[in-house]
Amino acid sequence: MTRSQLEQAFATYFSEMDKCKTSGCHLALLHIVVVLPNICGALESQNGEADGNAYKRWCGERLPSHVLSPDERWEMRCALVHEGKTLPDSRARYRYASYSFMPPGGGEIHQVVSTDGERNLTLEVERMAEEIKKEISSWFDALLQPGNVVLAKVGNNLPKLIKSQPKTIPGSGPLPPTISSTG
């Protein structure tokens, strides 16, 4: 496994992130950002499947916890992706009762906690995207260290990751590149 292979495997995600930023699709960008730790955690697992514990473990090892603990990241992700809300279900257990996500240009608002009433954490989506890209790059470096036992699991699971690739269907002619794990 090489760095180039890892980068190529994540190229579809990073390209989509760049497209979201360019077009101002910050909600779509946010969804990619909060799902990427799931993908990384799944790649590190024996069976290649995601779960909350793998997500939290990956976040705990890779992402700073002074602003969001791995459990808070998981709760934020679940609320956003599965329920379309910024209110975690377990609000009493965590530091924040809600989250706000903003596009760039808000000055120094990223990671600011407001305490008017319930505690709300405001995050700038593009900064979150840059942070996750940086941490995934760092993860690649860690995986490629000699003796890293997780690399074999990632190598086994990586071919199943989606990628943008050409597709043809008999009788239809060439199609635009599709996103698929299989082609």
N, C-alpha and C. Protein backbone atom coordinates (compact mmCIF):
# COMPACT_ATOMS: atom_id res chain seq x y z
N MET A 1 0.86 -1.17 0.00
CA MET A 1 0.00 0.00 0.00
C MET A 1 0.90 1.24 0.00
N THR A 2 0.55 2.21 -0.84
CA THR A 2 1.32 3.44 -0.93
C THR A 2 0.44 4.64 -0.59
N ARG A 3 1.09 5.75 -0.34
CA ARG A 3 0.35 6.99 -0.09
C ARG A 3 -0.51 7.35 -1.30
N SER A 4 0.04 7.15 -2.48
CA SER A 4 -0.69 7.45 -3.70
C SER A 4 -1.98 6.63 -3.79
N GLN A 5 -1.93 5.37 -3.40
CA GLN A 5 -3.13 4.53 -3.41
C GLN A 5 -4.16 5.04 -2.41
N LEU A 6 -3.72 5.45 -1.24
CA LEU A 6 -4.64 6.00 -0.25
C LEU A 6 -5.26 7.30 -0.75
N GLU A 7 -4.43 8.17 -1.30
CA GLU A 7 -4.94 9.45 -1.83
C GLU A 7 -5.93 9.21 -2.96
N GLN A 8 -5.63 8.27 -3.83
CA GLN A 8 -6.53 7.96 -4.94
C GLN A 8 -7.86 7.42 -4.42
N ALA A 9 -7.80 6.61 -3.38
CA ALA A 9 -9.03 6.03 -2.82
C ALA A 9 -9.95 7.12 -2.25
N PHE A 10 -9.38 8.18 -1.74
CA PHE A 10 -10.17 9.27 -1.16
C PHE A 10 -10.39 10.43 -2.13
N ALA A 11 -9.88 10.29 -3.34
CA ALA A 11 -9.97 11.38 -4.33
C ALA A 11 -11.41 11.79 -4.62
N THR A 12 -12.32 10.83 -4.69
CA THR A 12 -13.72 11.17 -4.96
C THR A 12 -14.28 12.04 -3.85
N TYR A 13 -14.00 11.69 -2.61
CA TYR A 13 -14.51 12.48 -1.48
C TYR A 13 -13.90 13.88 -1.47
N PHE A 14 -12.59 13.96 -1.65
CA PHE A 14 -11.94 15.27 -1.62
C PHE A 14 -12.38 16.14 -2.80
N SER A 15 -12.58 15.53 -3.95
CA SER A 15 -13.07 16.27 -5.11
C SER A 15 -14.48 16.81 -4.85
N GLU A 16 -15.33 15.99 -4.28
CA GLU A 16 -16.70 16.42 -3.95
C GLU A 16 -16.67 17.54 -2.91
N MET A 17 -15.76 17.46 -1.96
CA MET A 17 -15.64 18.52 -0.97
C MET A 17 -15.26 19.84 -1.64
N ASP A 18 -14.31 19.77 -2.57
CA ASP A 18 -13.89 20.98 -3.30
C ASP A 18 -15.04 21.55 -4.12
N LYS A 19 -15.81 20.68 -4.77
CA LYS A 19 -16.97 21.14 -5.54
C LYS A 19 -18.00 21.81 -4.64
N CYS A 20 -18.22 21.25 -3.47
CA CYS A 20 -19.17 21.85 -2.52
C CYS A 20 -18.70 23.24 -2.11
N LYS A 21 -17.42 23.37 -1.80
CA LYS A 21 -16.88 24.67 -1.40
C LYS A 21 -17.02 25.69 -2.52
N THR A 22 -16.65 25.30 -3.73
CA THR A 22 -16.69 26.21 -4.87
C THR A 22 -18.11 26.68 -5.16
N SER A 23 -19.07 25.78 -5.02
CA SER A 23 -20.45 26.13 -5.37
C SER A 23 -21.26 26.65 -4.18
N GLY A 24 -20.63 26.71 -3.01
CA GLY A 24 -21.33 27.20 -1.83
C GLY A 24 -22.33 26.23 -1.23
N CYS A 25 -22.16 24.95 -1.50
CA CYS A 25 -23.06 23.92 -0.96
C CYS A 25 -22.54 23.46 0.40
N HIS A 26 -22.69 24.31 1.40
CA HIS A 26 -22.10 24.04 2.71
C HIS A 26 -22.80 22.93 3.49
N LEU A 27 -24.08 22.74 3.28
CA LEU A 27 -24.76 21.64 3.95
C LEU A 27 -24.25 20.29 3.41
N ALA A 28 -24.10 20.20 2.10
CA ALA A 28 -23.56 18.96 1.51
C ALA A 28 -22.13 18.73 1.99
N LEU A 29 -21.34 19.79 2.04
CA LEU A 29 -19.96 19.70 2.54
C LEU A 29 -19.96 19.21 3.98
N LEU A 30 -20.83 19.75 4.79
CA LEU A 30 -20.91 19.35 6.19
C LEU A 30 -21.22 17.86 6.32
N HIS A 31 -22.13 17.37 5.49
CA HIS A 31 -22.46 15.95 5.54
C HIS A 31 -21.24 15.08 5.22
N ILE A 32 -20.48 15.47 4.22
CA ILE A 32 -19.27 14.71 3.89
C ILE A 32 -18.29 14.74 5.06
N VAL A 33 -18.10 15.92 5.64
CA VAL A 33 -17.15 16.09 6.74
C VAL A 33 -17.49 15.19 7.92
N VAL A 34 -18.76 15.13 8.30
CA VAL A 34 -19.11 14.33 9.48
C VAL A 34 -19.17 12.84 9.19
N VAL A 35 -19.23 12.47 7.91
CA VAL A 35 -19.27 11.04 7.55
C VAL A 35 -17.87 10.46 7.36
N LEU A 36 -16.90 11.29 6.99
CA LEU A 36 -15.55 10.75 6.72
C LEU A 36 -14.95 9.95 7.88
N PRO A 37 -15.10 10.35 9.15
CA PRO A 37 -14.57 9.48 10.20
C PRO A 37 -15.22 8.10 10.22
N ASN A 38 -16.49 8.01 9.81
CA ASN A 38 -17.15 6.71 9.68
C ASN A 38 -16.43 5.84 8.66
N ILE A 39 -16.09 6.44 7.55
CA ILE A 39 -15.42 5.71 6.47
C ILE A 39 -14.04 5.26 6.92
N CYS A 40 -13.31 6.15 7.56
CA CYS A 40 -11.96 5.79 8.04
C CYS A 40 -12.04 4.69 9.09
N GLY A 41 -12.98 4.81 10.02
CA GLY A 41 -13.15 3.78 11.05
C GLY A 41 -13.53 2.44 10.45
N ALA A 42 -14.40 2.46 9.44
CA ALA A 42 -14.81 1.22 8.77
C ALA A 42 -13.62 0.58 8.06
N LEU A 43 -12.81 1.40 7.40
CA LEU A 43 -11.63 0.85 6.71
C LEU A 43 -10.68 0.17 7.68
N GLU A 44 -10.61 0.66 8.91
CA GLU A 44 -9.71 0.06 9.90
C GLU A 44 -10.29 -1.21 10.54
N SER A 45 -11.57 -1.49 10.32
CA SER A 45 -12.19 -2.64 10.98
C SER A 45 -11.92 -3.94 10.23
N GLN A 46 -12.09 -5.03 10.92
CA GLN A 46 -11.86 -6.35 10.32
C GLN A 46 -12.82 -6.61 9.16
N ASN A 47 -14.10 -6.25 9.34
CA ASN A 47 -15.12 -6.56 8.33
C ASN A 47 -15.41 -5.40 7.38
N GLY A 48 -14.78 -4.25 7.57
CA GLY A 48 -14.99 -3.12 6.68
C GLY A 48 -16.29 -2.37 6.91
N GLU A 49 -16.94 -2.65 8.03
CA GLU A 49 -18.23 -2.02 8.31
C GLU A 49 -18.08 -0.96 9.40
N ALA A 50 -18.90 0.08 9.26
CA ALA A 50 -18.88 1.20 10.19
C ALA A 50 -19.75 0.93 11.41
N ASP A 51 -19.36 1.50 12.52
CA ASP A 51 -20.21 1.51 13.70
C ASP A 51 -19.78 2.67 14.59
N GLY A 52 -20.59 2.98 15.56
CA GLY A 52 -20.31 4.12 16.43
C GLY A 52 -19.00 4.01 17.18
N ASN A 53 -18.65 2.83 17.61
CA ASN A 53 -17.41 2.67 18.36
C ASN A 53 -16.19 2.93 17.47
N ALA A 54 -16.22 2.46 16.23
CA ALA A 54 -15.11 2.71 15.31
C ALA A 54 -15.00 4.20 15.00
N TYR A 55 -16.14 4.86 14.83
CA TYR A 55 -16.17 6.31 14.57
C TYR A 55 -15.54 7.05 15.75
N LYS A 56 -15.98 6.75 16.95
CA LYS A 56 -15.47 7.43 18.15
C LYS A 56 -13.99 7.14 18.37
N ARG A 57 -13.58 5.90 18.12
CA ARG A 57 -12.16 5.56 18.29
C ARG A 57 -11.32 6.35 17.31
N TRP A 58 -11.74 6.40 16.03
CA TRP A 58 -10.98 7.13 15.03
C TRP A 58 -10.92 8.62 15.40
N CYS A 59 -12.02 9.18 15.79
CA CYS A 59 -12.04 10.60 16.19
C CYS A 59 -11.16 10.83 17.41
N GLY A 60 -11.21 9.92 18.38
CA GLY A 60 -10.41 10.06 19.58
C GLY A 60 -8.92 10.02 19.31
N GLU A 61 -8.52 9.23 18.32
CA GLU A 61 -7.11 9.12 17.97
C GLU A 61 -6.63 10.24 17.05
N ARG A 62 -7.53 10.83 16.30
CA ARG A 62 -7.13 11.74 15.23
C ARG A 62 -7.57 13.19 15.40
N LEU A 63 -8.70 13.44 16.01
CA LEU A 63 -9.25 14.79 16.04
C LEU A 63 -9.14 15.38 17.44
N PRO A 64 -8.88 16.67 17.54
CA PRO A 64 -8.74 17.29 18.86
C PRO A 64 -10.06 17.19 19.64
N SER A 65 -9.94 16.87 20.91
CA SER A 65 -11.15 16.68 21.72
C SER A 65 -11.42 17.85 22.65
N HIS A 66 -10.61 18.90 22.59
CA HIS A 66 -10.87 20.03 23.49
C HIS A 66 -12.14 20.78 23.11
N VAL A 67 -12.55 20.69 21.85
CA VAL A 67 -13.79 21.35 21.42
C VAL A 67 -14.93 20.35 21.36
N LEU A 68 -14.68 19.20 20.76
CA LEU A 68 -15.69 18.14 20.64
C LEU A 68 -15.07 16.82 21.04
N SER A 69 -15.67 16.15 22.01
CA SER A 69 -15.21 14.82 22.37
C SER A 69 -15.66 13.84 21.28
N PRO A 70 -15.07 12.65 21.23
CA PRO A 70 -15.54 11.66 20.25
C PRO A 70 -17.04 11.37 20.40
N ASP A 71 -17.53 11.29 21.62
CA ASP A 71 -18.96 11.05 21.83
C ASP A 71 -19.80 12.21 21.31
N GLU A 72 -19.35 13.44 21.52
CA GLU A 72 -20.09 14.60 21.02
C GLU A 72 -20.07 14.64 19.49
N ARG A 73 -18.94 14.29 18.90
CA ARG A 73 -18.87 14.23 17.44
C ARG A 73 -19.87 13.21 16.90
N TRP A 74 -19.95 12.06 17.56
CA TRP A 74 -20.89 11.00 17.14
C TRP A 74 -22.33 11.49 17.27
N GLU A 75 -22.66 12.10 18.37
CA GLU A 75 -24.01 12.63 18.57
C GLU A 75 -24.35 13.70 17.54
N MET A 76 -23.39 14.60 17.27
CA MET A 76 -23.61 15.65 16.28
C MET A 76 -23.84 15.04 14.91
N ARG A 77 -23.02 14.07 14.54
CA ARG A 77 -23.15 13.39 13.26
C ARG A 77 -24.49 12.70 13.13
N CYS A 78 -24.90 11.96 14.15
CA CYS A 78 -26.18 11.22 14.10
C CYS A 78 -27.36 12.18 13.97
N ALA A 79 -27.35 13.25 14.75
CA ALA A 79 -28.45 14.21 14.69
C ALA A 79 -28.53 14.84 13.30
N LEU A 80 -27.40 15.23 12.77
CA LEU A 80 -27.36 15.90 11.47
C LEU A 80 -27.73 14.95 10.33
N VAL A 81 -27.05 13.81 10.24
CA VAL A 81 -27.21 12.92 9.10
C VAL A 81 -28.52 12.16 9.14
N HIS A 82 -28.92 11.66 10.30
CA HIS A 82 -30.10 10.79 10.37
C HIS A 82 -31.39 11.54 10.65
N GLU A 83 -31.28 12.70 11.29
CA GLU A 83 -32.50 13.39 11.70
C GLU A 83 -32.61 14.80 11.15
N GLY A 84 -31.57 15.27 10.48
CA GLY A 84 -31.62 16.60 9.88
C GLY A 84 -31.76 17.71 10.89
N LYS A 85 -31.12 17.55 12.03
CA LYS A 85 -31.22 18.57 13.06
C LYS A 85 -29.86 18.84 13.68
N THR A 86 -29.77 19.91 14.43
CA THR A 86 -28.51 20.28 15.09
C THR A 86 -28.63 20.16 16.60
N LEU A 87 -29.60 19.38 17.03
CA LEU A 87 -29.82 19.15 18.46
C LEU A 87 -29.54 17.69 18.77
N PRO A 88 -28.47 17.40 19.49
CA PRO A 88 -28.19 16.00 19.82
C PRO A 88 -29.27 15.44 20.74
N ASP A 89 -29.55 14.14 20.59
CA ASP A 89 -30.58 13.51 21.42
C ASP A 89 -30.23 13.52 22.89
N SER A 90 -28.98 13.34 23.20
CA SER A 90 -28.53 13.23 24.59
C SER A 90 -28.01 14.58 25.09
N ARG A 91 -28.79 15.63 24.93
CA ARG A 91 -28.33 16.98 25.22
C ARG A 91 -27.87 17.16 26.67
N ALA A 92 -28.46 16.47 27.58
CA ALA A 92 -28.09 16.65 28.98
C ALA A 92 -26.72 16.06 29.30
N ARG A 93 -26.26 15.11 28.48
CA ARG A 93 -24.99 14.42 28.75
C ARG A 93 -23.77 15.16 28.25
N TYR A 94 -23.95 16.10 27.34
CA TYR A 94 -22.82 16.71 26.68
C TYR A 94 -22.73 18.20 26.97
N ARG A 95 -21.62 18.78 26.60
CA ARG A 95 -21.38 20.20 26.87
C ARG A 95 -22.28 21.13 26.08
N TYR A 96 -22.76 20.67 24.91
CA TYR A 96 -23.51 21.56 24.03
C TYR A 96 -24.93 21.06 23.84
N ALA A 97 -25.87 21.97 23.91
CA ALA A 97 -27.27 21.63 23.68
C ALA A 97 -27.61 21.70 22.20
N SER A 98 -26.78 22.43 21.43
CA SER A 98 -27.02 22.54 20.00
C SER A 98 -25.75 22.97 19.29
N TYR A 99 -25.80 22.86 17.96
CA TYR A 99 -24.69 23.24 17.11
C TYR A 99 -25.20 24.19 16.04
N SER A 100 -24.34 25.10 15.62
CA SER A 100 -24.62 25.98 14.49
C SER A 100 -23.47 25.83 13.52
N PHE A 101 -23.81 25.78 12.24
CA PHE A 101 -22.79 25.63 11.20
C PHE A 101 -22.91 26.80 10.24
N MET A 102 -21.79 27.41 9.93
CA MET A 102 -21.84 28.60 9.08
C MET A 102 -20.87 28.50 7.92
N PRO A 103 -21.20 29.23 6.83
CA PRO A 103 -20.26 29.31 5.72
C PRO A 103 -19.08 30.18 6.10
N PRO A 104 -18.05 30.26 5.25
CA PRO A 104 -16.89 31.09 5.58
C PRO A 104 -17.25 32.57 5.63
N GLY A 105 -16.39 33.31 6.24
CA GLY A 105 -16.57 34.76 6.26
C GLY A 105 -17.11 35.30 7.56
N GLY A 106 -17.22 34.47 8.56
CA GLY A 106 -17.77 34.92 9.83
C GLY A 106 -16.73 35.44 10.79
N GLY A 107 -15.52 35.66 10.30
CA GLY A 107 -14.47 36.13 11.20
C GLY A 107 -13.98 34.99 12.07
N GLU A 108 -13.77 35.27 13.31
CA GLU A 108 -13.26 34.27 14.25
C GLU A 108 -14.40 33.62 15.02
N ILE A 109 -15.33 33.04 14.29
CA ILE A 109 -16.49 32.42 14.91
C ILE A 109 -16.31 30.91 15.06
N HIS A 110 -15.39 30.32 14.31
CA HIS A 110 -15.20 28.87 14.36
C HIS A 110 -14.86 28.43 15.78
N GLN A 111 -15.59 27.46 16.27
CA GLN A 111 -15.41 26.87 17.60
C GLN A 111 -15.74 27.84 18.73
N VAL A 112 -16.72 28.70 18.50
CA VAL A 112 -17.14 29.65 19.53
C VAL A 112 -18.38 29.10 20.21
N VAL A 113 -18.37 29.17 21.53
CA VAL A 113 -19.51 28.71 22.33
C VAL A 113 -20.28 29.93 22.80
N SER A 114 -21.56 29.94 22.51
CA SER A 114 -22.41 31.01 23.04
C SER A 114 -23.20 30.45 24.21
N THR A 115 -23.42 31.27 25.17
CA THR A 115 -24.10 30.82 26.39
C THR A 115 -25.36 31.60 26.66
N ASP A 116 -25.96 32.15 25.62
CA ASP A 116 -27.28 32.78 25.78
C ASP A 116 -28.29 31.66 25.90
N GLY A 117 -28.70 31.38 27.09
CA GLY A 117 -29.59 30.23 27.31
C GLY A 117 -28.77 28.96 27.32
N GLU A 118 -29.12 28.00 26.45
CA GLU A 118 -28.38 26.75 26.37
C GLU A 118 -27.09 26.95 25.60
N ARG A 119 -26.09 26.13 25.90
CA ARG A 119 -24.78 26.26 25.25
C ARG A 119 -24.86 25.78 23.80
N ASN A 120 -24.41 26.64 22.88
CA ASN A 120 -24.40 26.35 21.46
C ASN A 120 -22.97 26.50 20.96
N LEU A 121 -22.52 25.51 20.18
CA LEU A 121 -21.20 25.56 19.57
C LEU A 121 -21.36 25.92 18.10
N THR A 122 -20.70 27.00 17.67
CA THR A 122 -20.73 27.42 16.27
C THR A 122 -19.45 26.97 15.58
N LEU A 123 -19.60 26.34 14.44
CA LEU A 123 -18.48 25.82 13.67
C LEU A 123 -18.58 26.31 12.23
N GLU A 124 -17.44 26.67 11.65
CA GLU A 124 -17.38 27.08 10.25
C GLU A 124 -17.13 25.85 9.40
N VAL A 125 -18.02 25.57 8.47
CA VAL A 125 -18.00 24.33 7.72
C VAL A 125 -16.71 24.16 6.91
N GLU A 126 -16.25 25.20 6.23
CA GLU A 126 -15.04 25.04 5.41
C GLU A 126 -13.81 24.80 6.28
N ARG A 127 -13.78 25.37 7.45
CA ARG A 127 -12.64 25.09 8.35
C ARG A 127 -12.72 23.66 8.85
N MET A 128 -13.92 23.17 9.11
CA MET A 128 -14.07 21.77 9.49
C MET A 128 -13.56 20.86 8.37
N ALA A 129 -13.87 21.24 7.13
CA ALA A 129 -13.43 20.43 5.98
C ALA A 129 -11.91 20.41 5.88
N GLU A 130 -11.28 21.55 6.06
CA GLU A 130 -9.81 21.58 6.01
C GLU A 130 -9.21 20.77 7.15
N GLU A 131 -9.81 20.84 8.32
CA GLU A 131 -9.31 20.07 9.47
C GLU A 131 -9.40 18.57 9.20
N ILE A 132 -10.53 18.11 8.65
CA ILE A 132 -10.67 16.67 8.44
C ILE A 132 -9.73 16.21 7.32
N LYS A 133 -9.54 17.00 6.28
CA LYS A 133 -8.59 16.64 5.23
C LYS A 133 -7.18 16.52 5.82
N LYS A 134 -6.80 17.46 6.66
CA LYS A 134 -5.48 17.44 7.28
C LYS A 134 -5.31 16.19 8.14
N GLU A 135 -6.33 15.85 8.91
CA GLU A 135 -6.24 14.68 9.79
C GLU A 135 -6.23 13.38 9.00
N ILE A 136 -6.94 13.34 7.89
CA ILE A 136 -6.89 12.14 7.06
C ILE A 136 -5.51 11.99 6.44
N SER A 137 -4.90 13.10 6.03
CA SER A 137 -3.54 13.05 5.51
C SER A 137 -2.57 12.55 6.57
N SER A 138 -2.74 13.01 7.80
CA SER A 138 -1.92 12.55 8.91
C SER A 138 -2.16 11.06 9.18
N TRP A 139 -3.40 10.64 9.04
CA TRP A 139 -3.75 9.22 9.20
C TRP A 139 -3.03 8.38 8.15
N PHE A 140 -2.97 8.86 6.90
CA PHE A 140 -2.23 8.15 5.86
C PHE A 140 -0.78 7.95 6.30
N ASP A 141 -0.16 9.02 6.82
CA ASP A 141 1.23 8.93 7.28
C ASP A 141 1.37 7.87 8.36
N ALA A 142 0.44 7.86 9.32
CA ALA A 142 0.50 6.89 10.42
C ALA A 142 0.32 5.47 9.90
N LEU A 143 -0.61 5.29 8.97
CA LEU A 143 -0.83 3.95 8.42
C LEU A 143 0.42 3.39 7.76
N LEU A 144 1.17 4.26 7.10
CA LEU A 144 2.33 3.82 6.32
C LEU A 144 3.60 3.65 7.14
N GLN A 145 3.50 3.86 8.45
CA GLN A 145 4.67 3.63 9.31
C GLN A 145 4.96 2.13 9.37
N PRO A 146 6.24 1.76 9.34
CA PRO A 146 6.59 0.33 9.40
C PRO A 146 5.95 -0.35 10.62
N GLY A 147 5.39 -1.52 10.40
CA GLY A 147 4.82 -2.30 11.48
C GLY A 147 3.39 -1.92 11.86
N ASN A 148 2.77 -1.00 11.17
CA ASN A 148 1.39 -0.63 11.51
C ASN A 148 0.46 -1.78 11.11
N VAL A 149 -0.13 -2.41 12.12
CA VAL A 149 -0.97 -3.59 11.88
C VAL A 149 -2.32 -3.23 11.28
N VAL A 150 -2.75 -1.98 11.39
CA VAL A 150 -4.04 -1.56 10.85
C VAL A 150 -3.98 -1.46 9.32
N LEU A 151 -2.78 -1.24 8.78
CA LEU A 151 -2.63 -1.07 7.34
C LEU A 151 -3.19 -2.26 6.56
N ALA A 152 -2.99 -3.46 7.05
CA ALA A 152 -3.49 -4.65 6.35
C ALA A 152 -5.02 -4.63 6.27
N LYS A 153 -5.68 -4.23 7.35
CA LYS A 153 -7.15 -4.14 7.33
C LYS A 153 -7.60 -3.08 6.33
N VAL A 154 -6.95 -1.92 6.37
CA VAL A 154 -7.29 -0.84 5.44
C VAL A 154 -7.07 -1.33 4.00
N GLY A 155 -5.96 -2.00 3.76
CA GLY A 155 -5.67 -2.53 2.43
C GLY A 155 -6.73 -3.51 1.95
N ASN A 156 -7.24 -4.34 2.84
CA ASN A 156 -8.29 -5.30 2.47
C ASN A 156 -9.62 -4.61 2.17
N ASN A 157 -9.91 -3.53 2.89
CA ASN A 157 -11.20 -2.85 2.76
C ASN A 157 -11.20 -1.75 1.71
N LEU A 158 -10.04 -1.21 1.39
CA LEU A 158 -9.95 -0.06 0.49
C LEU A 158 -10.55 -0.31 -0.90
N PRO A 159 -10.38 -1.49 -1.50
CA PRO A 159 -10.97 -1.68 -2.83
C PRO A 159 -12.49 -1.54 -2.87
N LYS A 160 -13.15 -1.66 -1.74
CA LYS A 160 -14.61 -1.56 -1.69
C LYS A 160 -15.09 -0.11 -1.62
N LEU A 161 -14.18 0.83 -1.37
CA LEU A 161 -14.55 2.23 -1.24
C LEU A 161 -15.06 2.76 -2.58
N ILE A 162 -16.05 3.64 -2.55
CA ILE A 162 -16.57 4.17 -3.80
C ILE A 162 -15.52 4.99 -4.53
N LYS A 163 -15.68 5.04 -5.84
CA LYS A 163 -14.80 5.85 -6.67
C LYS A 163 -15.60 6.29 -7.89
N SER A 164 -15.18 7.38 -8.48
CA SER A 164 -15.78 7.86 -9.72
C SER A 164 -15.08 7.13 -10.86
N GLN A 165 -15.86 6.46 -11.69
CA GLN A 165 -15.26 5.65 -12.73
C GLN A 165 -16.19 5.55 -13.94
N PRO A 166 -15.62 5.26 -15.11
CA PRO A 166 -16.46 5.12 -16.30
C PRO A 166 -17.37 3.90 -16.18
N LYS A 167 -18.49 3.97 -16.85
CA LYS A 167 -19.42 2.85 -16.83
C LYS A 167 -20.08 2.74 -18.19
N THR A 168 -20.28 1.53 -18.61
CA THR A 168 -21.05 1.29 -19.82
C THR A 168 -22.11 0.26 -19.50
N ILE A 169 -23.24 0.42 -20.14
CA ILE A 169 -24.32 -0.55 -20.05
C ILE A 169 -24.58 -1.00 -21.48
N PRO A 170 -24.55 -2.30 -21.73
CA PRO A 170 -24.75 -2.78 -23.11
C PRO A 170 -25.99 -2.15 -23.75
N GLY A 171 -25.80 -1.62 -24.95
CA GLY A 171 -26.90 -1.03 -25.69
C GLY A 171 -27.15 0.45 -25.39
N SER A 172 -26.47 1.01 -24.39
CA SER A 172 -26.73 2.41 -24.05
C SER A 172 -25.59 3.34 -24.44
N GLY A 173 -24.46 2.80 -24.78
CA GLY A 173 -23.32 3.64 -25.07
C GLY A 173 -22.64 4.08 -23.81
N PRO A 174 -21.56 4.86 -23.94
CA PRO A 174 -20.83 5.29 -22.74
C PRO A 174 -21.67 6.24 -21.89
N LEU A 175 -21.54 6.10 -20.62
CA LEU A 175 -22.23 6.96 -19.65
C LEU A 175 -21.21 7.89 -19.01
N PRO A 176 -21.68 8.98 -18.41
CA PRO A 176 -20.75 9.81 -17.64
C PRO A 176 -20.17 8.97 -16.50
N PRO A 177 -19.03 9.38 -15.95
CA PRO A 177 -18.48 8.61 -14.82
C PRO A 177 -19.54 8.45 -13.72
N THR A 178 -19.57 7.29 -13.15
CA THR A 178 -20.51 7.00 -12.07
C THR A 178 -19.72 6.82 -10.78
N ILE A 179 -20.42 6.94 -9.68
CA ILE A 179 -19.81 6.69 -8.38
C ILE A 179 -20.28 5.33 -7.92
N SER A 180 -19.33 4.43 -7.75
CA SER A 180 -19.66 3.04 -7.46
C SER A 180 -18.46 2.37 -6.82
N SER A 181 -18.70 1.30 -6.11
CA SER A 181 -17.62 0.48 -5.58
C SER A 181 -17.21 -0.59 -6.58
N THR A 182 -18.10 -0.89 -7.52
CA THR A 182 -17.88 -2.04 -8.38
C THR A 182 -17.64 -1.73 -9.85
N GLY A 183 -18.08 -0.59 -10.35
CA GLY A 183 -17.86 -0.26 -11.76
C GLY A 183 -19.06 -0.33 -12.59
